[in-house]
Amino acid sequence: QVRLMESGGGLVHPGGSLRLSCVVSEGVVGIWPMAWYRQAPGKQREVIASISSIGDRTYIDAVDGRFTIARMIDKNTAWLHLNSPKAEDTAVYYCNSDNADWPWGQGTQVTVSS
């Protein structure tokens, strides 16, 4: 079974930066599209960024221009770079792949605070 392992979260000040990583237990990053999700308290989990199997990137408006999704196929890893995070970006961040039916990982907590 595919296992997803997120890491890199923590406390960050507004205007700072973080890089989140997602290591996938099998060599499927170059085959399946990858996406980052987040879930804030009291809200549903939402997709915020995705990269297709051919490398096309898509972002929701709330993070477009500030967050960047990337992948390293040979290392079976996906990344999310957070630039200038805001308080409303505080959430648990997860990676997964649409339509792959992989189980959710533990996620990694990002807290944006002064």
Protein backbone atom coordinates (compact mmCIF):
# COMPACT_ATOMS: atom_id res chain seq x y z
CA GLN A 1 0.00 0.00 0.00
CA VAL A 2 1.23 3.50 -0.80
CA ARG A 3 2.27 5.50 2.24
CA LEU A 4 2.48 9.28 2.35
CA MET A 5 4.80 11.03 4.80
CA GLU A 6 4.56 14.79 5.17
CA SER A 7 7.14 16.86 7.01
CA GLY A 8 8.59 20.36 7.24
CA GLY A 9 5.84 22.21 9.04
CA GLY A 10 6.25 24.40 12.07
CA LEU A 11 5.84 27.92 13.35
CA VAL A 12 6.54 30.66 10.85
CA HIS A 13 6.15 34.42 10.97
CA PRO A 14 4.11 36.25 8.36
CA GLY A 15 6.40 37.04 5.47
CA GLY A 16 8.66 34.12 6.24
CA SER A 17 8.96 30.90 4.30
CA LEU A 18 8.67 27.15 4.70
CA ARG A 19 9.23 24.14 2.50
CA LEU A 20 7.06 21.11 3.06
CA SER A 21 7.98 17.69 1.76
CA CYS A 22 5.95 14.61 0.94
CA VAL A 23 7.77 11.32 0.56
CA VAL A 24 5.82 8.58 -1.19
CA SER A 25 6.65 4.99 -0.37
CA GLU A 26 6.47 3.82 -3.98
CA GLY A 27 7.84 5.15 -7.24
CA VAL A 28 4.60 6.64 -8.51
CA VAL A 29 5.21 10.41 -8.31
CA GLY A 30 6.03 10.57 -12.01
CA ILE A 31 2.97 8.53 -12.92
CA TRP A 32 0.18 9.99 -10.82
CA PRO A 33 -0.68 13.63 -10.36
CA MET A 34 0.26 15.00 -6.95
CA ALA A 35 -1.54 17.57 -4.85
CA TRP A 36 -1.27 19.41 -1.57
CA TYR A 37 -4.27 19.85 0.69
CA ARG A 38 -4.85 21.66 3.94
CA GLN A 39 -7.40 21.54 6.70
CA ALA A 40 -7.90 24.42 9.10
CA PRO A 41 -9.88 24.08 12.34
CA GLY A 42 -13.59 24.03 11.64
CA LYS A 43 -13.10 23.70 7.90
CA GLN A 44 -13.09 20.86 5.41
CA ARG A 45 -9.90 19.67 3.82
CA GLU A 46 -9.30 21.53 0.58
CA VAL A 47 -6.91 21.10 -2.29
CA ILE A 48 -4.63 24.11 -2.69
CA ALA A 49 -2.07 23.07 -5.30
CA SER A 50 -1.57 20.26 -7.78
CA ILE A 51 0.88 19.10 -10.40
CA SER A 52 -0.21 16.82 -13.20
CA SER A 53 1.60 13.76 -14.46
CA ILE A 54 3.13 15.91 -17.19
CA GLY A 55 4.11 18.74 -14.84
CA ASP A 56 1.29 21.27 -15.24
CA ARG A 57 0.70 23.22 -12.03
CA THR A 58 -2.57 24.54 -10.67
CA TYR A 59 -3.24 26.69 -7.59
CA ILE A 60 -6.29 28.05 -5.86
CA ASP A 61 -6.54 31.83 -5.80
CA ALA A 62 -5.80 32.03 -2.08
CA VAL A 63 -2.25 30.75 -2.54
CA ASP A 64 -1.48 31.57 -6.17
CA GLY A 65 1.69 33.61 -6.42
CA ARG A 66 2.82 32.68 -2.92
CA PHE A 67 2.99 28.87 -2.86
CA THR A 68 4.80 26.62 -5.30
CA ILE A 69 4.31 22.89 -5.82
CA ALA A 70 7.15 20.80 -7.21
CA ARG A 71 8.21 17.20 -7.52
CA MET A 72 11.40 15.18 -7.69
CA ILE A 73 10.46 12.04 -9.54
CA ASP A 74 13.73 10.19 -8.93
CA LYS A 75 13.43 10.82 -5.18
CA ASN A 76 9.73 10.00 -5.10
CA THR A 77 9.02 13.29 -3.38
CA ALA A 78 6.64 16.21 -3.77
CA TRP A 79 7.26 19.65 -2.29
CA LEU A 80 5.28 22.70 -1.34
CA HIS A 81 7.15 25.97 -0.92
CA LEU A 82 5.31 28.58 1.13
CA ASN A 83 6.36 32.18 0.59
CA SER A 84 4.97 35.02 2.69
CA PRO A 85 2.42 32.90 4.53
CA LYS A 86 -0.52 34.60 6.20
CA ALA A 87 -2.39 33.82 9.39
CA GLU A 88 -5.18 32.25 7.36
CA ASP A 89 -2.68 29.73 5.98
CA THR A 90 -2.52 28.08 9.40
CA ALA A 91 -3.64 24.49 8.92
CA VAL A 92 -2.54 20.88 8.75
CA TYR A 93 -1.08 20.25 5.32
CA TYR A 94 -1.40 16.92 3.52
CA CYS A 95 -0.29 15.48 0.23
CA ASN A 96 -2.14 12.95 -1.89
CA SER A 97 -3.11 12.13 -5.45
CA ASP A 98 -6.53 12.55 -6.97
CA ASN A 99 -8.14 9.29 -8.10
CA ALA A 100 -5.35 7.14 -6.68
CA ASP A 101 -7.28 6.12 -3.54
CA TRP A 102 -4.22 6.39 -1.33
CA PRO A 103 -4.66 6.62 2.43
CA TRP A 104 -4.09 10.01 4.03
CA GLY A 105 -0.87 10.57 5.89
CA GLN A 106 -0.45 12.26 9.26
CA GLY A 107 -0.06 15.69 7.71
CA THR A 108 2.23 18.42 8.95
CA GLN A 109 1.11 21.41 11.01
CA VAL A 110 1.85 24.90 9.74
CA THR A 111 1.22 27.74 12.17
CA VAL A 112 1.57 31.31 10.96
CA SER A 113 1.81 33.77 13.81
CA SER A 114 3.64 36.89 14.92
